[in-house]
Structures are given as C-alpha cells and as structure tokens.
C-alpha atoms as a PDB file:
ATOM      1  CA  MET A   1      13.888 145.664  62.557  1.00  0.00           C
ATOM      2  CA  PRO A   2      17.244 147.469  62.252  1.00  0.00           C
ATOM      3  CA  ARG A   3      20.351 145.303  61.759  1.00  0.00           C
ATOM      4  CA  ARG A   4      22.639 145.163  64.739  1.00  0.00           C
ATOM      5  CA  ARG A   5      26.333 145.628  64.255  1.00  0.00           C
ATOM      6  CA  LEU A   6      29.151 144.027  66.227  1.00  0.00           C
ATOM      7  CA  ARG A   7      30.562 147.431  67.076  1.00  0.00           C
ATOM      8  CA  ASP A   8      27.592 147.934  69.394  1.00  0.00           C
ATOM      9  CA  LEU A   9      29.340 146.931  72.635  1.00  0.00           C
ATOM     10  CA  SER A  10      26.061 146.472  74.491  1.00  0.00           C
ATOM     11  CA  ILE A  11      25.276 143.485  72.266  1.00  0.00           C
ATOM     12  CA  VAL A  12      28.560 141.796  73.134  1.00  0.00           C
ATOM     13  CA  GLN A  13      28.284 142.617  76.810  1.00  0.00           C
ATOM     14  CA  ASN A  14      24.735 141.278  77.070  1.00  0.00           C
ATOM     15  CA  THR A  15      25.356 138.101  75.110  1.00  0.00           C
ATOM     16  CA  THR A  16      24.668 134.924  77.105  1.00  0.00           C
ATOM     17  CA  ASN A  17      27.207 132.121  77.399  1.00  0.00           C
ATOM     18  CA  SER A  18      25.205 129.856  75.093  1.00  0.00           C
ATOM     19  CA  GLU A  19      25.166 132.487  72.370  1.00  0.00           C
ATOM     20  CA  GLU A  20      28.901 133.092  72.843  1.00  0.00           C
ATOM     21  CA  GLU A  21      29.539 129.388  72.358  1.00  0.00           C
ATOM     22  CA  ARG A  22      27.421 129.377  69.175  1.00  0.00           C
ATOM     23  CA  PHE A  23      29.528 132.105  67.613  1.00  0.00           C
ATOM     24  CA  ALA A  24      32.924 130.962  69.002  1.00  0.00           C
ATOM     25  CA  LEU A  25      35.328 130.248  66.160  1.00  0.00           C
ATOM     26  CA  GLU A  26      37.997 127.577  66.536  1.00  0.00           C
ATOM     27  CA  VAL A  27      41.415 128.275  65.076  1.00  0.00           C
ATOM     28  CA  SER A  28      43.455 125.190  64.198  1.00  0.00           C
ATOM     29  CA  ASP A  29      47.036 124.739  65.350  1.00  0.00           C
ATOM     30  CA  ALA A  30      48.114 124.339  61.731  1.00  0.00           C
ATOM     31  CA  TYR A  31      46.725 127.761  60.852  1.00  0.00           C
ATOM     32  CA  ILE A  32      48.448 129.360  63.843  1.00  0.00           C
ATOM     33  CA  LYS A  33      51.765 127.723  62.945  1.00  0.00           C
ATOM     34  CA  LYS A  34      51.386 128.760  59.328  1.00  0.00           C
ATOM     35  CA  ALA A  35      50.580 132.352  60.279  1.00  0.00           C
ATOM     36  CA  LEU A  36      53.438 132.551  62.777  1.00  0.00           C
ATOM     37  CA  GLY A  37      55.752 130.917  60.299  1.00  0.00           C
ATOM     38  CA  LYS A  38      54.858 133.425  57.599  1.00  0.00           C
ATOM     39  CA  LYS A  39      55.494 136.298  60.001  1.00  0.00           C
ATOM     40  CA  TRP A  40      58.843 134.780  60.923  1.00  0.00           C
ATOM     41  CA  ARG A  41      59.730 134.167  57.266  1.00  0.00           C
ATOM     42  CA  ASP A  42      58.889 137.759  56.332  1.00  0.00           C
ATOM     43  CA  HIS A  43      60.820 139.041  59.312  1.00  0.00           C
ATOM     44  CA  LYS A  44      63.842 136.903  58.387  1.00  0.00           C
ATOM     45  CA  ARG A  45      63.722 138.142  54.783  1.00  0.00           C
ATOM     46  CA  ILE A  46      63.808 141.730  56.043  1.00  0.00           C
ATOM     47  CA  LEU A  47      66.723 140.905  58.355  1.00  0.00           C
ATOM     48  CA  LYS A  48      68.611 139.277  55.506  1.00  0.00           C
ATOM     49  CA  LYS A  49      68.064 142.278  53.256  1.00  0.00           C
ATOM     50  CA  GLU A  50      68.857 144.987  55.797  1.00  0.00           C
ATOM     51  CA  TYR A  51      71.649 143.306  57.800  1.00  0.00           C
ATOM     52  CA  PHE A  52      73.144 140.371  55.880  1.00  0.00           C
ATOM     53  CA  LYS A  53      73.227 141.893  52.377  1.00  0.00           C
ATOM     54  CA  LYS A  54      75.270 144.870  53.561  1.00  0.00           C
ATOM     55  CA  PRO A  55      78.672 145.196  51.812  1.00  0.00           C
ATOM     56  CA  ILE A  56      80.661 144.449  54.987  1.00  0.00           C
ATOM     57  CA  SER A  57      82.823 141.557  56.163  1.00  0.00           C
ATOM     58  CA  ILE A  58      81.331 138.402  57.650  1.00  0.00           C
ATOM     59  CA  GLU A  59      82.881 139.287  61.034  1.00  0.00           C
ATOM     60  CA  GLU A  60      81.119 142.646  61.022  1.00  0.00           C
ATOM     61  CA  LYS A  61      77.837 140.966  60.080  1.00  0.00           C
ATOM     62  CA  LEU A  62      78.167 138.564  62.999  1.00  0.00           C
ATOM     63  CA  GLN A  63      78.773 141.448  65.388  1.00  0.00           C
ATOM     64  CA  ASN A  64      75.861 143.501  64.009  1.00  0.00           C
ATOM     65  CA  VAL A  65      73.080 141.579  65.791  1.00  0.00           C
ATOM     66  CA  PRO A  66      69.614 142.935  64.864  1.00  0.00           C
ATOM     67  CA  PRO A  67      67.518 144.330  67.735  1.00  0.00           C
ATOM     68  CA  GLY A  68      65.263 141.780  69.396  1.00  0.00           C
ATOM     69  CA  MET A  69      67.276 138.781  68.140  1.00  0.00           C
ATOM     70  CA  LEU A  70      69.494 136.549  70.247  1.00  0.00           C
ATOM     71  CA  ARG A  71      73.158 136.414  69.289  1.00  0.00           C
ATOM     72  CA  TYR A  72      73.294 132.636  68.764  1.00  0.00           C
ATOM     73  CA  GLN A  73      70.225 132.789  66.506  1.00  0.00           C
ATOM     74  CA  TRP A  74      71.788 135.538  64.393  1.00  0.00           C
ATOM     75  CA  GLU A  75      75.126 133.713  64.205  1.00  0.00           C
ATOM     76  CA  ASP A  76      73.384 130.510  63.048  1.00  0.00           C
ATOM     77  CA  ALA A  77      71.433 132.432  60.399  1.00  0.00           C
ATOM     78  CA  VAL A  78      74.500 134.308  59.094  1.00  0.00           C
ATOM     79  CA  GLN A  79      76.614 131.167  58.949  1.00  0.00           C
ATOM     80  CA  PHE A  80      73.879 129.325  57.052  1.00  0.00           C
ATOM     81  CA  TRP A  81      73.261 132.160  54.568  1.00  0.00           C
ATOM     82  CA  ASN A  82      77.008 132.384  54.003  1.00  0.00           C
ATOM     83  CA  SER A  83      77.385 128.620  53.500  1.00  0.00           C
ATOM     84  CA  LYS A  84      77.262 126.814  50.157  1.00  0.00           C
ATOM     85  CA  LYS A  85      73.963 125.188  51.086  1.00  0.00           C
ATOM     86  CA  GLY A  86      72.385 128.562  51.841  1.00  0.00           C
ATOM     87  CA  GLU A  87      73.662 130.041  48.588  1.00  0.00           C
ATOM     88  CA  ASP A  88      72.488 126.977  46.617  1.00  0.00           C
ATOM     89  CA  ARG A  89      68.998 127.222  48.102  1.00  0.00           C
ATOM     90  CA  GLU A  90      68.743 130.900  47.226  1.00  0.00           C
ATOM     91  CA  ARG A  91      69.983 130.156  43.713  1.00  0.00           C
ATOM     92  CA  VAL A  92      67.430 127.348  43.311  1.00  0.00           C
ATOM     93  CA  GLY A  93      64.629 129.651  44.435  1.00  0.00           C
ATOM     94  CA  THR A  94      65.763 132.265  41.927  1.00  0.00           C
ATOM     95  CA  SER A  95      66.154 129.844  39.009  1.00  0.00           C
ATOM     96  CA  SER A  96      62.677 128.387  39.559  1.00  0.00           C
ATOM     97  CA  ARG A  97      61.025 131.755  38.903  1.00  0.00           C
ATOM     98  CA  LYS A  98      60.396 133.868  35.871  1.00  0.00           C
ATOM     99  CA  LYS A  99      61.849 137.296  35.386  1.00  0.00           C
ATOM    100  CA  ASP A 100      58.803 138.865  37.023  1.00  0.00           C
ATOM    101  CA  GLY A 101      59.330 136.734  40.141  1.00  0.00           C
ATOM    102  CA  THR A 102      56.448 134.315  39.597  1.00  0.00           C
ATOM    103  CA  PRO A 103      57.007 130.500  39.578  1.00  0.00           C
ATOM    104  CA  MET A 104      57.732 128.783  36.263  1.00  0.00           C
ATOM    105  CA  THR A 105      54.762 126.397  36.464  1.00  0.00           C
ATOM    106  CA  SER A 106      51.730 125.799  38.663  1.00  0.00           C
ATOM    107  CA  GLU A 107      53.389 122.609  39.948  1.00  0.00           C
ATOM    108  CA  ALA A 108      56.504 124.559  40.896  1.00  0.00           C
ATOM    109  CA  ALA A 109      54.336 127.137  42.650  1.00  0.00           C
ATOM    110  CA  GLU A 110      52.561 124.422  44.635  1.00  0.00           C
ATOM    111  CA  ILE A 111      55.839 122.786  45.661  1.00  0.00           C
ATOM    112  CA  MET A 112      57.361 126.111  46.629  1.00  0.00           C
ATOM    113  CA  GLU A 113      54.308 126.970  48.712  1.00  0.00           C
ATOM    114  CA  LYS A 114      54.497 123.616  50.516  1.00  0.00           C
ATOM    115  CA  LEU A 115      58.208 124.087  51.141  1.00  0.00           C
ATOM    116  CA  LYS A 116      57.583 127.574  52.530  1.00  0.00           C
ATOM    117  CA  ASP A 117      54.769 126.379  54.800  1.00  0.00           C
ATOM    118  CA  LYS A 118      56.817 123.502  56.162  1.00  0.00           C
ATOM    119  CA  LYS A 119      59.852 125.693  56.621  1.00  0.00           C
ATOM    120  CA  ALA A 120      57.734 128.277  58.396  1.00  0.00           C
ATOM    121  CA  GLU A 121      56.495 125.659  60.869  1.00  0.00           C
ATOM    122  CA  TYR A 122      60.000 124.346  61.597  1.00  0.00           C
ATOM    123  CA  GLU A 123      61.537 127.811  61.845  1.00  0.00           C
ATOM    124  CA  ALA A 124      58.817 128.905  64.269  1.00  0.00           C
ATOM    125  CA  THR A 125      60.047 126.076  66.499  1.00  0.00           C
ATOM    126  CA  ALA A 126      63.732 126.754  65.806  1.00  0.00           C
ATOM    127  CA  SER A 127      63.342 130.403  66.795  1.00  0.00           C
ATOM    128  CA  THR A 128      62.741 129.305  70.400  1.00  0.00           C
ATOM    129  CA  ASP A 129      64.731 126.048  70.493  1.00  0.00           C
ATOM    130  CA  SER A 130      68.507 126.371  70.206  1.00  0.00           C
ATOM    131  CA  SER A 131      68.951 122.613  69.726  1.00  0.00           C
ATOM    132  CA  VAL A 132      67.302 122.682  66.294  1.00  0.00           C
ATOM    133  CA  ASN A 133      69.832 122.846  63.458  1.00  0.00           C
ATOM    134  CA  PHE A 134      69.010 124.856  60.318  1.00  0.00           C
ATOM    135  CA  GLU A 135      70.577 122.216  58.048  1.00  0.00           C
ATOM    136  CA  ASP A 136      68.495 119.480  59.669  1.00  0.00           C
ATOM    137  CA  ILE A 137      65.401 121.613  59.045  1.00  0.00           C
ATOM    138  CA  ASP A 138      66.154 121.793  55.318  1.00  0.00           C
ATOM    139  CA  ASN A 139      66.637 118.028  55.037  1.00  0.00           C
ATOM    140  CA  ARG A 140      63.387 117.306  56.885  1.00  0.00           C
ATOM    141  CA  ILE A 141      61.376 119.779  54.831  1.00  0.00           C
ATOM    142  CA  ILE A 142      62.638 118.509  51.472  1.00  0.00           C
ATOM    143  CA  ASN A 143      62.109 114.868  52.432  1.00  0.00           C
ATOM    144  CA  GLU A 144      58.579 115.542  53.699  1.00  0.00           C
ATOM    145  CA  VAL A 145      57.494 117.546  50.652  1.00  0.00           C
ATOM    146  CA  LEU A 146      59.416 115.823  47.839  1.00  0.00           C
ATOM    147  CA  GLY A 147      60.034 112.411  49.357  1.00  0.00           C
ATOM    148  CA  PRO A 148      63.369 110.655  49.905  1.00  0.00           C
ATOM    149  CA  GLU A 149      66.181 111.428  47.501  1.00  0.00           C
ATOM    150  CA  ARG A 150      66.765 108.883  44.745  1.00  0.00           C
ATOM    151  CA  TYR A 151      70.055 107.056  44.572  1.00  0.00           C
ATOM    152  CA  GLY A 152      72.348 108.268  41.785  1.00  0.00           C
ATOM    153  CA  GLN A 153      70.692 111.668  41.429  1.00  0.00           C
ATOM    154  CA  VAL A 154      71.260 115.110  42.897  1.00  0.00           C
ATOM    155  CA  ARG A 155      68.133 116.963  43.944  1.00  0.00           C
ATOM    156  CA  PHE A 156      67.356 120.211  42.066  1.00  0.00           C
ATOM    157  CA  GLN A 157      70.104 119.470  39.498  1.00  0.00           C
ATOM    158  CA  GLY A 158      68.038 117.588  36.897  1.00  0.00           C
ATOM    159  CA  SER A 159      67.954 113.927  35.870  1.00  0.00           C
ATOM    160  CA  GLY A 160      71.179 114.127  33.864  1.00  0.00           C
ATOM    161  CA  VAL A 161      73.386 115.102  36.812  1.00  0.00           C
ATOM    162  CA  ASN A 162      74.771 112.385  39.065  1.00  0.00           C
ATOM    163  CA  PRO A 163      76.641 112.759  42.384  1.00  0.00           C
ATOM    164  CA  THR A 164      80.056 112.236  40.751  1.00  0.00           C
ATOM    165  CA  GLN A 165      79.476 115.059  38.274  1.00  0.00           C
ATOM    166  CA  TYR A 166      78.104 117.434  40.891  1.00  0.00           C
ATOM    167  CA  PHE A 167      80.342 116.665  43.869  1.00  0.00           C
ATOM    168  CA  GLY A 168      83.486 115.692  41.938  1.00  0.00           C
ATOM    169  CA  SER A 169      85.676 112.614  42.294  1.00  0.00           C
ATOM    170  CA  THR A 170      85.041 112.568  46.045  1.00  0.00           C
ATOM    171  CA  SER A 171      81.391 111.751  45.477  1.00  0.00           C
ATOM    172  CA  HIS A 172      81.701 108.799  47.838  1.00  0.00           C
ATOM    173  CA  GLN A 173      81.111 111.419  50.512  1.00  0.00           C
ATOM    174  CA  TYR A 174      77.594 111.908  49.124  1.00  0.00           C
ATOM    175  CA  MET A 175      75.045 109.527  50.611  1.00  0.00           C
ATOM    176  CA  PRO A 176      71.265 109.484  50.921  1.00  0.00           C
ATOM    177  CA  SER A 177      70.001 111.196  54.040  1.00  0.00           C
ATOM    178  CA  GLY A 178      69.290 107.919  55.877  1.00  0.00           C
ATOM    179  CA  SER A 179      72.759 106.493  55.296  1.00  0.00           C
ATOM    180  CA  GLN A 180      74.334 109.816  56.095  1.00  0.00           C
ATOM    181  CA  SER A 181      72.479 109.984  59.391  1.00  0.00           C
ATOM    182  CA  GLN A 182      73.612 106.459  60.292  1.00  0.00           C
ATOM    183  CA  ALA A 183      77.197 107.325  59.392  1.00  0.00           C
ATOM    184  CA  GLU A 184      77.071 110.465  61.514  1.00  0.00           C
ATOM    185  CA  VAL A 185      75.634 108.514  64.449  1.00  0.00           C
ATOM    186  CA  GLN A 186      78.374 105.898  64.119  1.00  0.00           C
ATOM    187  CA  LYS A 187      80.997 108.640  63.912  1.00  0.00           C
ATOM    188  CA  LEU A 188      79.657 110.209  67.103  1.00  0.00           C
ATOM    189  CA  LYS A 189      79.700 106.815  68.828  1.00  0.00           C
ATOM    190  CA  ASP A 190      83.335 106.291  67.808  1.00  0.00           C
ATOM    191  CA  GLN A 191      84.228 109.741  69.099  1.00  0.00           C
ATOM    192  CA  ILE A 192      82.505 109.000  72.404  1.00  0.00           C
ATOM    193  CA  VAL A 193      84.449 105.738  72.754  1.00  0.00           C
ATOM    194  CA  GLN A 194      87.719 107.554  72.023  1.00  0.00           C
ATOM    195  CA  ILE A 195      86.910 110.314  74.493  1.00  0.00           C
ATOM    196  CA  GLN A 196      85.948 107.783  77.151  1.00  0.00           C
ATOM    197  CA  ALA A 197      89.165 105.808  76.622  1.00  0.00           C
ATOM    198  CA  SER A 198      91.232 108.989  76.779  1.00  0.00           C
ATOM    199  CA  THR A 199      89.382 110.097  79.905  1.00  0.00           C
ATOM    200  CA  ASN A 200      89.953 106.749  81.619  1.00  0.00           C
ATOM    201  CA  GLU A 201      93.649 106.933  80.758  1.00  0.00           C
ATOM    202  CA  GLN A 202      93.897 110.440  82.181  1.00  0.00           C
ATOM    203  CA  ILE A 203      92.072 109.383  85.343  1.00  0.00           C
ATOM    204  CA  SER A 204      94.436 106.435  85.818  1.00  0.00           C
ATOM    205  CA  GLN A 205      97.433 108.706  85.297  1.00  0.00           C
ATOM    206  CA  LEU A 206      96.107 111.251  87.803  1.00  0.00           C
ATOM    207  CA  ARG A 207      95.472 108.514  90.357  1.00  0.00           C
ATOM    208  CA  ALA A 208      99.016 107.184  89.916  1.00  0.00           C
ATOM    209  CA  GLU A 209     100.445 110.685  90.299  1.00  0.00           C
ATOM    210  CA  ALA A 210      98.317 111.277  93.386  1.00  0.00           C
ATOM    211  CA  ALA A 211      99.474 107.988  94.925  1.00  0.00           C
ATOM    212  CA  ALA A 212     103.112 108.872  94.207  1.00  0.00           C
ATOM    213  CA  ARG A 213     102.687 112.315  95.802  1.00  0.00           C
ATOM    214  CA  GLU A 214     101.029 110.757  98.857  1.00  0.00           C
ATOM    215  CA  ALA A 215     103.863 108.241  99.234  1.00  0.00           C
ATOM    216  CA  GLU A 216     106.444 111.020  98.971  1.00  0.00           C
ATOM    217  CA  GLN A 217     104.602 113.090 101.582  1.00  0.00           C
ATOM    218  CA  ASN A 218     104.456 110.101 103.935  1.00  0.00           C
ATOM    219  CA  ARG A 219     108.193 109.532 103.497  1.00  0.00           C
ATOM    220  CA  LYS A 220     109.007 113.158 104.290  1.00  0.00           C
ATOM    221  CA  TYR A 221     106.650 113.088 107.271  1.00  0.00           C
ATOM    222  CA  ASN A 222     108.343 110.006 108.695  1.00  0.00           C
ATOM    223  CA  GLU A 223     111.766 111.623 108.208  1.00  0.00           C
ATOM    224  CA  LEU A 224     110.627 114.722 110.061  1.00  0.00           C
ATOM    225  CA  GLN A 225     109.258 112.568 112.896  1.00  0.00           C
ATOM    226  CA  LEU A 226     112.603 110.809 113.244  1.00  0.00           C
ATOM    227  CA  GLN A 227     114.471 114.110 113.225  1.00  0.00           C
ATOM    228  CA  LEU A 228     112.115 115.517 115.853  1.00  0.00           C
ATOM    229  CA  GLN A 229     112.560 112.463 118.089  1.00  0.00           C
ATOM    230  CA  SER A 230     116.359 112.734 117.775  1.00  0.00           C
ATOM    231  CA  MET A 231     116.234 116.411 118.710  1.00  0.00           C
ATOM    232  CA  MET A 232     114.031 115.668 121.758  1.00  0.00           C
ATOM    233  CA  ILE A 233     116.472 113.011 122.970  1.00  0.00           C
ATOM    234  CA  MET A 234     119.411 115.369 122.558  1.00  0.00           C
ATOM    235  CA  PHE A 235     117.530 118.119 124.411  1.00  0.00           C
ATOM    236  CA  GLN A 236     116.704 115.804 127.316  1.00  0.00           C
ATOM    237  CA  GLN A 237     120.327 114.710 127.531  1.00  0.00           C
ATOM    238  CA  PHE A 238     121.417 118.338 127.618  1.00  0.00           C
ATOM    239  CA  GLN A 239     118.937 119.156 130.403  1.00  0.00           C
ATOM    240  CA  ASN A 240     119.918 116.125 132.479  1.00  0.00           C
ATOM    241  CA  PRO A 241     123.660 115.613 132.083  1.00  0.00           C
ATOM    242  CA  PRO A 242     125.079 112.412 133.647  1.00  0.00           C
ATOM    243  CA  SER A 243     126.344 112.891 137.230  1.00  0.00           C
END
C-alpha cells in the first residue's frame, strides 16, 4: 500500500472529526510566549543596531521612530538603552562571554538563557501595555531567575564589591528591591498627601475669592438699584410738577 503524504489535500479534506482530534497538537502558552518573546527580542536587537547605534544625537534618535513602532515605546527603549542601567546590562552581557561570543561556562549559558526567556515573556507583554516599566521588568526577571539580592553585595559585581565601593559614599541610597519598593510607595503616599493639602488650600482660596467677588457684585447691584430709584423719583417729579 503506497504511503500517503500530508500534501495530498483530499486526505485532509476527507478526514473525519475524530481523526482530526487524534492528530490535533496542543501548543502550550509558555511555548507561544517564548516564541513571541524571541521574535520581539530579535526585532529589538535589529532596531537597536540600525536605529539606536547610529552616530547621531539622542534627540535625533528619539525623533527617528522606526516604522511600525509607537512613539512612546521607542522613547522608552531609547531612554533605557541610553541610561546607566541599560549600559551596565549590555556590559554585563558582553563580559560574560568569550571572544567568540559564546558564554564563559555552561552555568552562565543556562542563566543567560533563563534571563532571555523571562525577559522575552515580559517584553511581549510590555510591547502592548504602556503601564509596564522597563526597569521594573529587569528587577522582576533578575529576582525570579537569580533570587533576591543579598544584603551587602552588588549583583554582577563579584563577592568582593559592596554597595559603598560600587555606589560611592552615598550608598545609603542603595537598598534591596523590597525595601526600595516600600520606600517608593511611602514617597508616593507623601506626595499624594502634599498634593491633596495643596489642592484643598487652593480650593479654599478660590471659594474665598468667589465669595468676595459675589459680595462686591451684590454691593454694586444694590447701589445701581438705589440710583435707579432716585432717577425714577426725579423723573416723576419732573413730569408732575407741584401746582
């Protein structure tokens, strides 16, 4: 009996539902996210090479939005690539590879692959959600793959480097991600309280000014009424002089 090939359309067209279900392949969400993420990562690498690496000013780069990309997405990407964090991440990726571009060790290769996969998943979401911050993505990915950062150490800088050495004398600004998040939340709460207090003060001031204007308008209205009444009396006296 000759072997049938899938390119024979009559086989596909005449296949019953039960046979279709037997040969239906399920694709997991993780695989789809990974595939989409890889496409997005490759696309972003091409954009970075062809648009960001050009020897032009940062203002010109921001104005030169690639086709098919939203302006706010391109601005976020350019600002991140141009930031210290973006440069540090690129430098870390370069230093963890050999001259031929391959990872230093198998463990480094595994970690880098996990970081890429996670980043691909988050960036696939960030490409359609403007509320997702690129810096938040990096923190989440690193914490998920490598675990929380240890106190007194700086990630990717080796065990002999502490926050004071890396960040300078102002290392009190460096905090673990959890503490930093709490501090940022508290800072936002304080700002909201200040804004609310300032808003209430402005509202009170506007109400006082409005009440003062209304009182002044009432005073002028009453004066005009009195003047009008006086003029009417004078007119009547002129029309009807005493006999």
